[in-house]
């Protein structure tokens, strides 16, 4: 991973991913939904950019601070 990333704020399970590689996203756009502590949480992009890679998949368990999406 070489570009900027979105990281998991806390451990949980990926529910859905709303973007794919090559998509342009705006700051504040919801890009991923995950479940943590029995609550669904929307994760928004922190920057304007283009998605380079999706580093996780639905139903995958992730750790706190794990990179989820990489930007170009």
PDB file of N, CA and C in Angstrom:
ATOM      1  N   UNK A   1       0.860  -1.182   0.000  1.00  0.00           N
ATOM      2  CA  UNK A   1       0.000   0.000   0.000  1.00  0.00           C
ATOM      3  C   UNK A   1       0.896   1.231   0.000  1.00  0.00           C
ATOM      4  N   UNK A   2       0.776   2.020  -1.055  1.00  0.00           N
ATOM      5  CA  UNK A   2       1.652   3.181  -1.174  1.00  0.00           C
ATOM      6  C   UNK A   2       0.903   4.509  -1.134  1.00  0.00           C
ATOM      7  N   UNK A   3      -0.374   4.492  -1.497  1.00  0.00           N
ATOM      8  CA  UNK A   3      -1.144   5.732  -1.534  1.00  0.00           C
ATOM      9  C   UNK A   3      -1.868   5.979  -0.230  1.00  0.00           C
ATOM     10  N   UNK A   4      -2.590   7.115  -0.162  1.00  0.00           N
ATOM     11  CA  UNK A   4      -3.395   7.376   1.028  1.00  0.00           C
ATOM     12  C   UNK A   4      -4.489   6.316   1.172  1.00  0.00           C
ATOM     13  N   UNK A   5      -4.907   6.030   2.398  1.00  0.00           N
ATOM     14  CA  UNK A   5      -5.895   4.989   2.641  1.00  0.00           C
ATOM     15  C   UNK A   5      -6.986   5.470   3.593  1.00  0.00           C
ATOM     16  N   UNK A   6      -8.094   4.749   3.566  1.00  0.00           N
ATOM     17  CA  UNK A   6      -9.108   4.846   4.612  1.00  0.00           C
ATOM     18  C   UNK A   6      -8.836   3.663   5.529  1.00  0.00           C
ATOM     19  N   UNK A   7      -8.775   3.931   6.835  1.00  0.00           N
ATOM     20  CA  UNK A   7      -8.508   2.872   7.807  1.00  0.00           C
ATOM     21  C   UNK A   7      -9.728   2.650   8.688  1.00  0.00           C
ATOM     22  N   UNK A   8      -9.849   1.435   9.198  1.00  0.00           N
ATOM     23  CA  UNK A   8     -10.958   1.099  10.087  1.00  0.00           C
ATOM     24  C   UNK A   8     -10.788   1.826  11.419  1.00  0.00           C
ATOM     25  N   UNK A   9     -11.790   2.604  11.828  1.00  0.00           N
ATOM     26  CA  UNK A   9     -11.687   3.296  13.110  1.00  0.00           C
ATOM     27  C   UNK A   9     -11.753   2.336  14.303  1.00  0.00           C
ATOM     28  N   UNK A  10     -12.389   1.172  14.104  1.00  0.00           N
ATOM     29  CA  UNK A  10     -12.416   0.132  15.125  1.00  0.00           C
ATOM     30  C   UNK A  10     -12.635  -1.198  14.431  1.00  0.00           C
ATOM     31  N   UNK A  11     -12.327  -2.270  15.130  1.00  0.00           N
ATOM     32  CA  UNK A  11     -12.495  -3.591  14.543  1.00  0.00           C
ATOM     33  C   UNK A  11     -13.956  -3.897  14.280  1.00  0.00           C
ATOM     34  N   UNK A  12     -14.216  -4.723  13.287  1.00  0.00           N
ATOM     35  CA  UNK A  12     -15.586  -5.097  12.955  1.00  0.00           C
ATOM     36  C   UNK A  12     -15.627  -5.953  11.715  1.00  0.00           C
ATOM     37  N   UNK A  13     -16.810  -6.045  11.110  1.00  0.00           N
ATOM     38  CA  UNK A  13     -17.034  -6.867   9.923  1.00  0.00           C
ATOM     39  C   UNK A  13     -17.550  -5.992   8.792  1.00  0.00           C
ATOM     40  N   UNK A  14     -16.962  -6.130   7.616  1.00  0.00           N
ATOM     41  CA  UNK A  14     -17.400  -5.363   6.447  1.00  0.00           C
ATOM     42  C   UNK A  14     -18.776  -5.872   6.017  1.00  0.00           C
ATOM     43  N   UNK A  15     -19.729  -4.948   5.850  1.00  0.00           N
ATOM     44  CA  UNK A  15     -21.070  -5.310   5.389  1.00  0.00           C
ATOM     45  C   UNK A  15     -21.186  -5.081   3.887  1.00  0.00           C
ATOM     46  N   UNK A  16     -20.823  -3.883   3.428  1.00  0.00           N
ATOM     47  CA  UNK A  16     -20.909  -3.594   1.996  1.00  0.00           C
ATOM     48  C   UNK A  16     -19.887  -2.535   1.609  1.00  0.00           C
ATOM     49  N   UNK A  17     -19.503  -2.578   0.339  1.00  0.00           N
ATOM     50  CA  UNK A  17     -18.548  -1.621  -0.213  1.00  0.00           C
ATOM     51  C   UNK A  17     -19.252  -0.907  -1.352  1.00  0.00           C
ATOM     52  N   UNK A  18     -19.300   0.422  -1.284  1.00  0.00           N
ATOM     53  CA  UNK A  18     -20.065   1.199  -2.249  1.00  0.00           C
ATOM     54  C   UNK A  18     -19.261   1.777  -3.388  1.00  0.00           C
ATOM     55  N   UNK A  19     -17.986   1.433  -3.477  1.00  0.00           N
ATOM     56  CA  UNK A  19     -17.131   1.950  -4.554  1.00  0.00           C
ATOM     57  C   UNK A  19     -16.304   0.805  -5.116  1.00  0.00           C
ATOM     58  N   UNK A  20     -15.690   1.057  -6.276  1.00  0.00           N
ATOM     59  CA  UNK A  20     -14.788   0.069  -6.873  1.00  0.00           C
ATOM     60  C   UNK A  20     -13.552   0.795  -7.401  1.00  0.00           C
ATOM     61  N   UNK A  21     -12.534   0.054  -7.735  1.00  0.00           N
ATOM     62  CA  UNK A  21     -11.304   0.649  -8.267  1.00  0.00           C
ATOM     63  C   UNK A  21     -11.645   1.511  -9.474  1.00  0.00           C
ATOM     64  N   UNK A  22     -11.066   2.710  -9.522  1.00  0.00           N
ATOM     65  CA  UNK A  22     -11.294   3.631 -10.623  1.00  0.00           C
ATOM     66  C   UNK A  22     -12.373   4.672 -10.340  1.00  0.00           C
ATOM     67  N   UNK A  23     -13.197   4.431  -9.310  1.00  0.00           N
ATOM     68  CA  UNK A  23     -14.251   5.399  -8.970  1.00  0.00           C
ATOM     69  C   UNK A  23     -13.643   6.672  -8.388  1.00  0.00           C
ATOM     70  N   UNK A  24     -14.191   7.810  -8.795  1.00  0.00           N
ATOM     71  CA  UNK A  24     -13.823   9.088  -8.195  1.00  0.00           C
ATOM     72  C   UNK A  24     -14.766   9.329  -7.026  1.00  0.00           C
ATOM     73  N   UNK A  25     -14.207   9.722  -5.878  1.00  0.00           N
ATOM     74  CA  UNK A  25     -15.014   9.972  -4.686  1.00  0.00           C
ATOM     75  C   UNK A  25     -14.756  11.384  -4.171  1.00  0.00           C
ATOM     76  N   UNK A  26     -15.750  11.911  -3.495  1.00  0.00           N
ATOM     77  CA  UNK A  26     -15.662  13.239  -2.884  1.00  0.00           C
ATOM     78  C   UNK A  26     -15.532  13.085  -1.380  1.00  0.00           C
ATOM     79  N   UNK A  27     -14.880  14.030  -0.751  1.00  0.00           N
ATOM     80  CA  UNK A  27     -14.772  14.045   0.702  1.00  0.00           C
ATOM     81  C   UNK A  27     -16.181  14.012   1.292  1.00  0.00           C
ATOM     82  N   UNK A  28     -16.405  13.121   2.255  1.00  0.00           N
ATOM     83  CA  UNK A  28     -17.696  12.983   2.892  1.00  0.00           C
ATOM     84  C   UNK A  28     -18.607  11.937   2.271  1.00  0.00           C
ATOM     85  N   UNK A  29     -18.242  11.426   1.090  1.00  0.00           N
ATOM     86  CA  UNK A  29     -19.038  10.398   0.420  1.00  0.00           C
ATOM     87  C   UNK A  29     -18.899   9.074   1.168  1.00  0.00           C
ATOM     88  N   UNK A  30     -20.026   8.400   1.405  1.00  0.00           N
ATOM     89  CA  UNK A  30     -19.987   7.091   2.066  1.00  0.00           C
ATOM     90  C   UNK A  30     -19.432   6.065   1.084  1.00  0.00           C
ATOM     91  N   UNK A  31     -18.376   5.369   1.508  1.00  0.00           N
ATOM     92  CA  UNK A  31     -17.719   4.401   0.627  1.00  0.00           C
ATOM     93  C   UNK A  31     -17.844   2.962   1.116  1.00  0.00           C
ATOM     94  N   UNK A  32     -18.201   2.790   2.392  1.00  0.00           N
ATOM     95  CA  UNK A  32     -18.192   1.454   2.969  1.00  0.00           C
ATOM     96  C   UNK A  32     -19.092   1.443   4.197  1.00  0.00           C
ATOM     97  N   UNK A  33     -19.734   0.298   4.453  1.00  0.00           N
ATOM     98  CA  UNK A  33     -20.530   0.119   5.665  1.00  0.00           C
ATOM     99  C   UNK A  33     -19.954  -1.089   6.402  1.00  0.00           C
ATOM    100  N   UNK A  34     -19.746  -0.935   7.714  1.00  0.00           N
ATOM    101  CA  UNK A  34     -19.234  -2.045   8.505  1.00  0.00           C
ATOM    102  C   UNK A  34     -19.991  -2.128   9.818  1.00  0.00           C
ATOM    103  N   UNK A  35     -19.928  -3.298  10.435  1.00  0.00           N
ATOM    104  CA  UNK A  35     -20.589  -3.537  11.711  1.00  0.00           C
ATOM    105  C   UNK A  35     -19.514  -3.630  12.781  1.00  0.00           C
ATOM    106  N   UNK A  36     -19.716  -2.860  13.836  1.00  0.00           N
ATOM    107  CA  UNK A  36     -18.820  -2.916  14.992  1.00  0.00           C
ATOM    108  C   UNK A  36     -19.675  -2.765  16.243  1.00  0.00           C
ATOM    109  N   UNK A  37     -19.442  -3.598  17.221  1.00  0.00           N
ATOM    110  CA  UNK A  37     -20.189  -3.571  18.477  1.00  0.00           C
ATOM    111  C   UNK A  37     -21.706  -3.611  18.229  1.00  0.00           C
ATOM    112  N   UNK A  38     -22.125  -4.451  17.296  1.00  0.00           N
ATOM    113  CA  UNK A  38     -23.529  -4.684  16.961  1.00  0.00           C
ATOM    114  C   UNK A  38     -24.240  -3.458  16.382  1.00  0.00           C
ATOM    115  N   UNK A  39     -23.474  -2.523  15.826  1.00  0.00           N
ATOM    116  CA  UNK A  39     -24.050  -1.339  15.179  1.00  0.00           C
ATOM    117  C   UNK A  39     -23.475  -1.211  13.776  1.00  0.00           C
ATOM    118  N   UNK A  40     -24.333  -0.834  12.804  1.00  0.00           N
ATOM    119  CA  UNK A  40     -23.844  -0.554  11.458  1.00  0.00           C
ATOM    120  C   UNK A  40     -23.287   0.859  11.430  1.00  0.00           C
ATOM    121  N   UNK A  41     -22.128   1.021  10.823  1.00  0.00           N
ATOM    122  CA  UNK A  41     -21.465   2.316  10.744  1.00  0.00           C
ATOM    123  C   UNK A  41     -21.109   2.627   9.303  1.00  0.00           C
ATOM    124  N   UNK A  42     -21.428   3.848   8.869  1.00  0.00           N
ATOM    125  CA  UNK A  42     -21.016   4.313   7.547  1.00  0.00           C
ATOM    126  C   UNK A  42     -19.612   4.867   7.653  1.00  0.00           C
ATOM    127  N   UNK A  43     -18.777   4.548   6.698  1.00  0.00           N
ATOM    128  CA  UNK A  43     -17.428   5.099   6.660  1.00  0.00           C
ATOM    129  C   UNK A  43     -17.324   5.985   5.425  1.00  0.00           C
ATOM    130  N   UNK A  44     -16.986   7.248   5.644  1.00  0.00           N
ATOM    131  CA  UNK A  44     -16.929   8.237   4.570  1.00  0.00           C
ATOM    132  C   UNK A  44     -15.499   8.514   4.158  1.00  0.00           C
ATOM    133  N   UNK A  45     -15.340   8.915   2.906  1.00  0.00           N
ATOM    134  CA  UNK A  45     -14.026   9.311   2.403  1.00  0.00           C
ATOM    135  C   UNK A  45     -13.579  10.581   3.116  1.00  0.00           C
ATOM    136  N   UNK A  46     -12.321  10.629   3.460  1.00  0.00           N
ATOM    137  CA  UNK A  46     -11.756  11.809   4.127  1.00  0.00           C
ATOM    138  C   UNK A  46     -11.143  12.786   3.134  1.00  0.00           C
ATOM    139  N   UNK A  47     -11.062  12.367   1.861  1.00  0.00           N
ATOM    140  CA  UNK A  47     -10.457  13.213   0.828  1.00  0.00           C
ATOM    141  C   UNK A  47     -11.214  13.076  -0.486  1.00  0.00           C
ATOM    142  N   UNK A  48     -11.021  14.022  -1.396  1.00  0.00           N
ATOM    143  CA  UNK A  48     -11.435  13.853  -2.788  1.00  0.00           C
ATOM    144  C   UNK A  48     -10.343  13.026  -3.454  1.00  0.00           C
ATOM    145  N   UNK A  49     -10.715  12.037  -4.225  1.00  0.00           N
ATOM    146  CA  UNK A  49      -9.688  11.238  -4.887  1.00  0.00           C
ATOM    147  C   UNK A  49     -10.281  10.146  -5.752  1.00  0.00           C
ATOM    148  N   UNK A  50      -9.397   9.298  -6.263  1.00  0.00           N
ATOM    149  CA  UNK A  50      -9.777   8.160  -7.093  1.00  0.00           C
ATOM    150  C   UNK A  50      -9.371   6.885  -6.364  1.00  0.00           C
ATOM    151  N   UNK A  51     -10.293   5.932  -6.295  1.00  0.00           N
ATOM    152  CA  UNK A  51     -10.020   4.660  -5.630  1.00  0.00           C
ATOM    153  C   UNK A  51      -9.021   3.868  -6.470  1.00  0.00           C
ATOM    154  N   UNK A  52      -7.925   3.470  -5.843  1.00  0.00           N
ATOM    155  CA  UNK A  52      -6.918   2.653  -6.518  1.00  0.00           C
ATOM    156  C   UNK A  52      -7.210   1.165  -6.310  1.00  0.00           C
ATOM    157  N   UNK A  53      -7.435   0.779  -5.041  1.00  0.00           N
ATOM    158  CA  UNK A  53      -7.687  -0.631  -4.718  1.00  0.00           C
ATOM    159  C   UNK A  53      -8.630  -0.738  -3.531  1.00  0.00           C
ATOM    160  N   UNK A  54      -9.460  -1.771  -3.552  1.00  0.00           N
ATOM    161  CA  UNK A  54     -10.260  -2.153  -2.398  1.00  0.00           C
ATOM    162  C   UNK A  54      -9.469  -3.260  -1.705  1.00  0.00           C
ATOM    163  N   UNK A  55      -9.157  -3.072  -0.445  1.00  0.00           N
ATOM    164  CA  UNK A  55      -8.269  -3.994   0.260  1.00  0.00           C
ATOM    165  C   UNK A  55      -9.009  -5.009   1.124  1.00  0.00           C
ATOM    166  N   UNK A  56     -10.349  -4.946   1.134  1.00  0.00           N
ATOM    167  CA  UNK A  56     -11.166  -5.850   1.938  1.00  0.00           C
ATOM    168  C   UNK A  56     -12.346  -6.346   1.102  1.00  0.00           C
ATOM    169  N   UNK A  57     -13.109  -7.278   1.658  1.00  0.00           N
ATOM    170  CA  UNK A  57     -14.281  -7.834   0.976  1.00  0.00           C
ATOM    171  C   UNK A  57     -15.441  -7.923   1.962  1.00  0.00           C
ATOM    172  N   UNK A  58     -16.681  -7.947   1.460  1.00  0.00           N
ATOM    173  CA  UNK A  58     -17.817  -8.129   2.365  1.00  0.00           C
ATOM    174  C   UNK A  58     -17.651  -9.391   3.213  1.00  0.00           C
ATOM    175  N   UNK A  59     -18.114  -9.303   4.457  1.00  0.00           N
ATOM    176  CA  UNK A  59     -18.045 -10.376   5.463  1.00  0.00           C
ATOM    177  C   UNK A  59     -16.646 -10.564   6.051  1.00  0.00           C
ATOM    178  N   UNK A  60     -15.670  -9.791   5.595  1.00  0.00           N
ATOM    179  CA  UNK A  60     -14.316  -9.892   6.150  1.00  0.00           C
ATOM    180  C   UNK A  60     -14.262  -9.183   7.497  1.00  0.00           C
ATOM    181  N   UNK A  61     -13.602  -9.806   8.470  1.00  0.00           N
ATOM    182  CA  UNK A  61     -13.378  -9.198   9.778  1.00  0.00           C
ATOM    183  C   UNK A  61     -12.108  -8.357   9.682  1.00  0.00           C
ATOM    184  N   UNK A  62     -12.187  -7.112  10.159  1.00  0.00           N
ATOM    185  CA  UNK A  62     -11.043  -6.206  10.090  1.00  0.00           C
ATOM    186  C   UNK A  62     -10.661  -5.740  11.477  1.00  0.00           C
ATOM    187  N   UNK A  63      -9.404  -5.335  11.622  1.00  0.00           N
ATOM    188  CA  UNK A  63      -8.874  -4.852  12.892  1.00  0.00           C
ATOM    189  C   UNK A  63      -8.848  -3.326  12.906  1.00  0.00           C
ATOM    190  N   UNK A  64      -8.798  -2.757  14.086  1.00  0.00           N
ATOM    191  CA  UNK A  64      -8.654  -1.312  14.227  1.00  0.00           C
ATOM    192  C   UNK A  64      -7.422  -0.851  13.460  1.00  0.00           C
ATOM    193  N   UNK A  65      -7.554   0.237  12.711  1.00  0.00           N
ATOM    194  CA  UNK A  65      -6.479   0.847  11.921  1.00  0.00           C
ATOM    195  C   UNK A  65      -6.048   0.031  10.702  1.00  0.00           C
ATOM    196  N   UNK A  66      -6.780  -1.022  10.355  1.00  0.00           N
ATOM    197  CA  UNK A  66      -6.467  -1.784   9.137  1.00  0.00           C
ATOM    198  C   UNK A  66      -6.862  -0.943   7.923  1.00  0.00           C
ATOM    199  N   UNK A  67      -5.997  -0.897   6.911  1.00  0.00           N
ATOM    200  CA  UNK A  67      -6.305  -0.170   5.669  1.00  0.00           C
ATOM    201  C   UNK A  67      -7.430  -0.902   4.942  1.00  0.00           C
ATOM    202  N   UNK A  68      -8.444  -0.132   4.486  1.00  0.00           N
ATOM    203  CA  UNK A  68      -9.608  -0.723   3.830  1.00  0.00           C
ATOM    204  C   UNK A  68      -9.664  -0.375   2.338  1.00  0.00           C
ATOM    205  N   UNK A  69      -9.385   0.881   2.033  1.00  0.00           N
ATOM    206  CA  UNK A  69      -9.430   1.373   0.656  1.00  0.00           C
ATOM    207  C   UNK A  69      -8.202   2.222   0.418  1.00  0.00           C
ATOM    208  N   UNK A  70      -7.545   2.017  -0.723  1.00  0.00           N
ATOM    209  CA  UNK A  70      -6.358   2.808  -1.086  1.00  0.00           C
ATOM    210  C   UNK A  70      -6.728   3.746  -2.231  1.00  0.00           C
ATOM    211  N   UNK A  71      -6.263   4.985  -2.133  1.00  0.00           N
ATOM    212  CA  UNK A  71      -6.452   5.975  -3.187  1.00  0.00           C
ATOM    213  C   UNK A  71      -5.201   6.071  -4.040  1.00  0.00           C
ATOM    214  N   UNK A  72      -5.382   6.598  -5.266  1.00  0.00           N
ATOM    215  CA  UNK A  72      -4.232   6.835  -6.151  1.00  0.00           C
ATOM    216  C   UNK A  72      -3.464   8.039  -5.652  1.00  0.00           C
TER     217      UNK A  72
END
